[in-house]
C-alpha cells in the first residue's frame, strides 16, 4: 500500500516537472519571436531614418 502511494507521488512530480518544462519551452519560443519582431522593426526604422537624412526618399 505504501509503495503504491510513493509511486503515485513520483508520477505526479514527474508530470508537474514535465508541465513546467513544456511551459518554459513555449515561453522561450514566444520570447525569441518577439525579440526578432522588435529587431526587425528597429532595422526598418533605422533604414527610414537614414533615407530621410540622406534625402533619398522613395
Protein backbone atom coordinates (compact mmCIF):
# COMPACT_ATOMS: atom_id res chain seq x y z
CA UNK A 1 0.00 0.00 0.00
CA UNK A 2 2.77 2.44 0.93
CA UNK A 3 4.69 1.59 -2.22
CA UNK A 4 1.67 2.46 -4.38
CA UNK A 5 1.33 5.86 -2.70
CA UNK A 6 5.01 6.53 -3.31
CA UNK A 7 4.62 5.62 -6.98
CA UNK A 8 1.66 8.00 -7.32
CA UNK A 9 3.65 10.83 -5.72
CA UNK A 10 6.63 10.22 -8.01
CA UNK A 11 4.40 10.11 -11.10
CA UNK A 12 2.70 13.38 -10.10
CA UNK A 13 6.06 15.05 -9.56
CA UNK A 14 7.24 13.87 -12.98
CA UNK A 15 4.05 15.17 -14.62
CA UNK A 16 4.39 18.54 -12.87
CA UNK A 17 8.06 18.80 -13.86
CA UNK A 18 7.29 17.99 -17.50
CA UNK A 19 4.48 20.55 -17.49
CA UNK A 20 6.78 23.26 -16.17
CA UNK A 21 9.49 22.33 -18.69
CA UNK A 22 6.98 22.46 -21.57
CA UNK A 23 5.69 25.84 -20.38
CA UNK A 24 9.21 27.27 -20.18
CA UNK A 25 10.00 25.96 -23.67
CA UNK A 26 6.81 27.58 -25.00
CA UNK A 27 7.61 30.92 -23.34
CA UNK A 28 11.17 30.83 -24.69
CA UNK A 29 9.92 30.36 -28.27
CA UNK A 30 7.46 33.25 -27.89
CA UNK A 31 10.20 35.46 -26.43
CA UNK A 32 12.56 34.68 -29.32
CA UNK A 33 9.85 35.60 -31.83
CA UNK A 34 9.11 38.85 -30.00
CA UNK A 35 12.81 39.74 -29.96
CA UNK A 36 13.06 39.09 -33.70
CA UNK A 37 9.99 41.25 -34.34
CA UNK A 38 11.45 44.10 -32.28
CA UNK A 39 14.79 43.82 -34.06
CA UNK A 40 13.03 43.84 -37.42
CA UNK A 41 11.06 46.97 -36.51
CA UNK A 42 14.23 48.71 -35.28
CA UNK A 43 16.05 47.84 -38.51
CA UNK A 44 13.15 49.22 -40.55
CA UNK A 45 13.13 52.45 -38.52
CA UNK A 46 16.89 52.87 -38.99
CA UNK A 47 16.53 52.43 -42.75
CA UNK A 48 13.76 55.01 -42.87
CA UNK A 49 15.78 57.47 -40.78
CA UNK A 50 18.84 57.05 -42.97
CA UNK A 51 16.85 57.71 -46.14
CA UNK A 52 15.40 60.90 -44.60
CA UNK A 53 18.86 62.10 -43.56
CA UNK A 54 20.35 61.36 -46.98
CA UNK A 55 17.38 62.76 -48.86
CA UNK A 56 16.88 59.51 -50.73
CA UNK A 57 13.16 59.20 -50.05
CA UNK A 58 11.43 56.84 -52.41
